[in-house]
Amino acid sequence: MVVERKGRHTVFDSKAFPALNTADGKVEGYAWLAERVNTFINVVRPRVRSAATDYAERLS
């Protein structure tokens, strides 16, 4: 979800889980978090590589 906060766009995701102090809640919560972090990294990684390549080319 993208929202505007203080004049800037912010991306966030949320989901309700059972109590995280239970075994089922922890398993479900950590699985969801791991998937979201992995997706974020997979989206950002090519852009970081591209920016690093551009920066290295400017230095040479």
N, C-alpha and C. Protein backbone atom coordinates (compact mmCIF):
# COMPACT_ATOMS: atom_id res chain seq x y z
N MET A 1 0.85 -1.16 0.00
CA MET A 1 0.00 0.00 0.00
C MET A 1 0.90 1.24 0.00
N VAL A 2 0.54 2.23 -0.77
CA VAL A 2 1.27 3.49 -0.81
C VAL A 2 0.38 4.58 -0.23
N VAL A 3 0.90 5.32 0.72
CA VAL A 3 0.17 6.43 1.31
C VAL A 3 1.08 7.65 1.34
N GLU A 4 0.48 8.79 1.47
CA GLU A 4 1.27 10.02 1.58
C GLU A 4 1.27 10.46 3.04
N ARG A 5 2.48 10.65 3.56
CA ARG A 5 2.65 11.10 4.93
C ARG A 5 3.65 12.24 4.94
N LYS A 6 3.25 13.34 5.51
CA LYS A 6 4.11 14.51 5.62
C LYS A 6 4.69 14.91 4.26
N GLY A 7 3.87 14.80 3.22
CA GLY A 7 4.29 15.22 1.88
C GLY A 7 5.15 14.21 1.15
N ARG A 8 5.38 13.03 1.72
CA ARG A 8 6.19 12.00 1.07
C ARG A 8 5.38 10.73 0.92
N HIS A 9 5.62 10.00 -0.16
CA HIS A 9 4.95 8.72 -0.35
C HIS A 9 5.66 7.66 0.48
N THR A 10 4.87 6.83 1.13
CA THR A 10 5.40 5.77 1.98
C THR A 10 4.75 4.45 1.57
N VAL A 11 5.56 3.40 1.48
CA VAL A 11 5.05 2.08 1.13
C VAL A 11 5.06 1.23 2.40
N PHE A 12 3.96 0.54 2.65
CA PHE A 12 3.92 -0.35 3.80
C PHE A 12 2.95 -1.49 3.55
N ASP A 13 3.09 -2.51 4.36
CA ASP A 13 2.22 -3.67 4.27
C ASP A 13 1.89 -4.09 5.70
N SER A 14 0.73 -4.62 5.91
CA SER A 14 0.36 -5.07 7.25
C SER A 14 -0.60 -6.25 7.15
N LYS A 15 -0.64 -7.01 8.23
CA LYS A 15 -1.53 -8.16 8.30
C LYS A 15 -1.79 -8.46 9.77
N ALA A 16 -3.00 -8.86 10.09
CA ALA A 16 -3.34 -9.23 11.46
C ALA A 16 -3.03 -10.71 11.67
N PHE A 17 -2.47 -11.03 12.82
CA PHE A 17 -2.11 -12.41 13.16
C PHE A 17 -2.71 -12.78 14.50
N PRO A 18 -2.77 -14.09 14.76
CA PRO A 18 -3.14 -14.50 16.12
C PRO A 18 -2.06 -13.99 17.07
N ALA A 19 -2.29 -14.10 18.33
CA ALA A 19 -1.33 -13.61 19.32
C ALA A 19 0.07 -14.14 19.01
N LEU A 20 1.05 -13.21 18.92
CA LEU A 20 2.41 -13.61 18.58
C LEU A 20 3.13 -14.31 19.73
N ASN A 21 2.50 -14.35 20.90
CA ASN A 21 3.12 -15.07 22.00
C ASN A 21 2.70 -16.54 22.02
N THR A 22 1.99 -16.98 20.97
CA THR A 22 1.65 -18.39 20.81
C THR A 22 2.52 -18.98 19.70
N ALA A 23 2.71 -20.28 19.73
CA ALA A 23 3.54 -20.94 18.72
C ALA A 23 2.99 -20.73 17.31
N ASP A 24 1.68 -20.90 17.15
CA ASP A 24 1.07 -20.73 15.82
C ASP A 24 1.20 -19.30 15.33
N GLY A 25 1.00 -18.36 16.22
CA GLY A 25 1.12 -16.96 15.85
C GLY A 25 2.54 -16.60 15.41
N LYS A 26 3.53 -17.11 16.13
CA LYS A 26 4.93 -16.86 15.77
C LYS A 26 5.27 -17.45 14.42
N VAL A 27 4.87 -18.69 14.19
CA VAL A 27 5.17 -19.35 12.92
C VAL A 27 4.55 -18.57 11.76
N GLU A 28 3.29 -18.24 11.90
CA GLU A 28 2.58 -17.52 10.83
C GLU A 28 3.17 -16.12 10.64
N GLY A 29 3.43 -15.43 11.72
CA GLY A 29 3.97 -14.08 11.64
C GLY A 29 5.35 -14.04 11.03
N TYR A 30 6.24 -14.92 11.46
CA TYR A 30 7.60 -14.95 10.92
C TYR A 30 7.62 -15.38 9.46
N ALA A 31 6.76 -16.31 9.10
CA ALA A 31 6.69 -16.74 7.70
C ALA A 31 6.26 -15.57 6.81
N TRP A 32 5.26 -14.83 7.25
CA TRP A 32 4.79 -13.67 6.48
C TRP A 32 5.89 -12.62 6.39
N LEU A 33 6.54 -12.33 7.51
CA LEU A 33 7.60 -11.32 7.52
C LEU A 33 8.76 -11.73 6.61
N ALA A 34 9.16 -12.99 6.67
CA ALA A 34 10.25 -13.46 5.82
C ALA A 34 9.91 -13.31 4.34
N GLU A 35 8.69 -13.63 3.98
CA GLU A 35 8.26 -13.50 2.58
C GLU A 35 8.25 -12.04 2.14
N ARG A 36 7.78 -11.15 3.00
CA ARG A 36 7.72 -9.72 2.65
C ARG A 36 9.12 -9.14 2.51
N VAL A 37 10.03 -9.49 3.43
CA VAL A 37 11.41 -8.99 3.36
C VAL A 37 12.09 -9.52 2.10
N ASN A 38 11.91 -10.80 1.80
CA ASN A 38 12.52 -11.39 0.61
C ASN A 38 12.01 -10.71 -0.66
N THR A 39 10.73 -10.45 -0.73
CA THR A 39 10.17 -9.75 -1.89
C THR A 39 10.77 -8.35 -2.02
N PHE A 40 10.88 -7.64 -0.92
CA PHE A 40 11.45 -6.29 -0.94
C PHE A 40 12.89 -6.33 -1.45
N ILE A 41 13.69 -7.25 -0.94
CA ILE A 41 15.09 -7.35 -1.36
C ILE A 41 15.19 -7.70 -2.84
N ASN A 42 14.36 -8.61 -3.30
CA ASN A 42 14.39 -8.99 -4.71
C ASN A 42 14.00 -7.83 -5.63
N VAL A 43 13.17 -6.93 -5.16
CA VAL A 43 12.78 -5.77 -5.96
C VAL A 43 13.87 -4.70 -5.92
N VAL A 44 14.47 -4.50 -4.77
CA VAL A 44 15.44 -3.42 -4.60
C VAL A 44 16.82 -3.79 -5.16
N ARG A 45 17.22 -5.05 -5.07
CA ARG A 45 18.56 -5.48 -5.46
C ARG A 45 18.97 -5.01 -6.86
N PRO A 46 18.17 -5.20 -7.91
CA PRO A 46 18.60 -4.74 -9.24
C PRO A 46 18.79 -3.22 -9.30
N ARG A 47 17.98 -2.48 -8.57
CA ARG A 47 18.11 -1.02 -8.58
C ARG A 47 19.39 -0.58 -7.87
N VAL A 48 19.75 -1.27 -6.81
CA VAL A 48 20.99 -0.95 -6.11
C VAL A 48 22.18 -1.29 -6.98
N ARG A 49 22.15 -2.43 -7.64
CA ARG A 49 23.24 -2.80 -8.55
C ARG A 49 23.39 -1.78 -9.67
N SER A 50 22.28 -1.36 -10.23
CA SER A 50 22.31 -0.37 -11.30
C SER A 50 22.90 0.95 -10.81
N ALA A 51 22.48 1.39 -9.63
CA ALA A 51 23.00 2.63 -9.07
C ALA A 51 24.49 2.51 -8.79
N ALA A 52 24.93 1.36 -8.28
CA ALA A 52 26.35 1.15 -7.99
C ALA A 52 27.17 1.16 -9.28
N THR A 53 26.64 0.54 -10.33
CA THR A 53 27.33 0.53 -11.62
C THR A 53 27.43 1.94 -12.18
N ASP A 54 26.36 2.70 -12.12
CA ASP A 54 26.38 4.09 -12.58
C ASP A 54 27.40 4.91 -11.82
N TYR A 55 27.45 4.72 -10.52
CA TYR A 55 28.39 5.46 -9.67
C TYR A 55 29.83 5.08 -10.02
N ALA A 56 30.08 3.78 -10.20
CA ALA A 56 31.44 3.32 -10.54
C ALA A 56 31.87 3.86 -11.90
N GLU A 57 30.95 3.93 -12.85
CA GLU A 57 31.28 4.47 -14.17
C GLU A 57 31.63 5.96 -14.11
N ARG A 58 30.97 6.68 -13.22
CA ARG A 58 31.28 8.11 -13.06
C ARG A 58 32.65 8.32 -12.46
N LEU A 59 33.10 7.39 -11.63
CA LEU A 59 34.41 7.51 -11.00
C LEU A 59 35.54 7.18 -11.95
N SER A 60 35.26 6.37 -12.99
CA SER A 60 36.34 5.97 -13.89
C SER A 60 36.47 6.87 -15.08
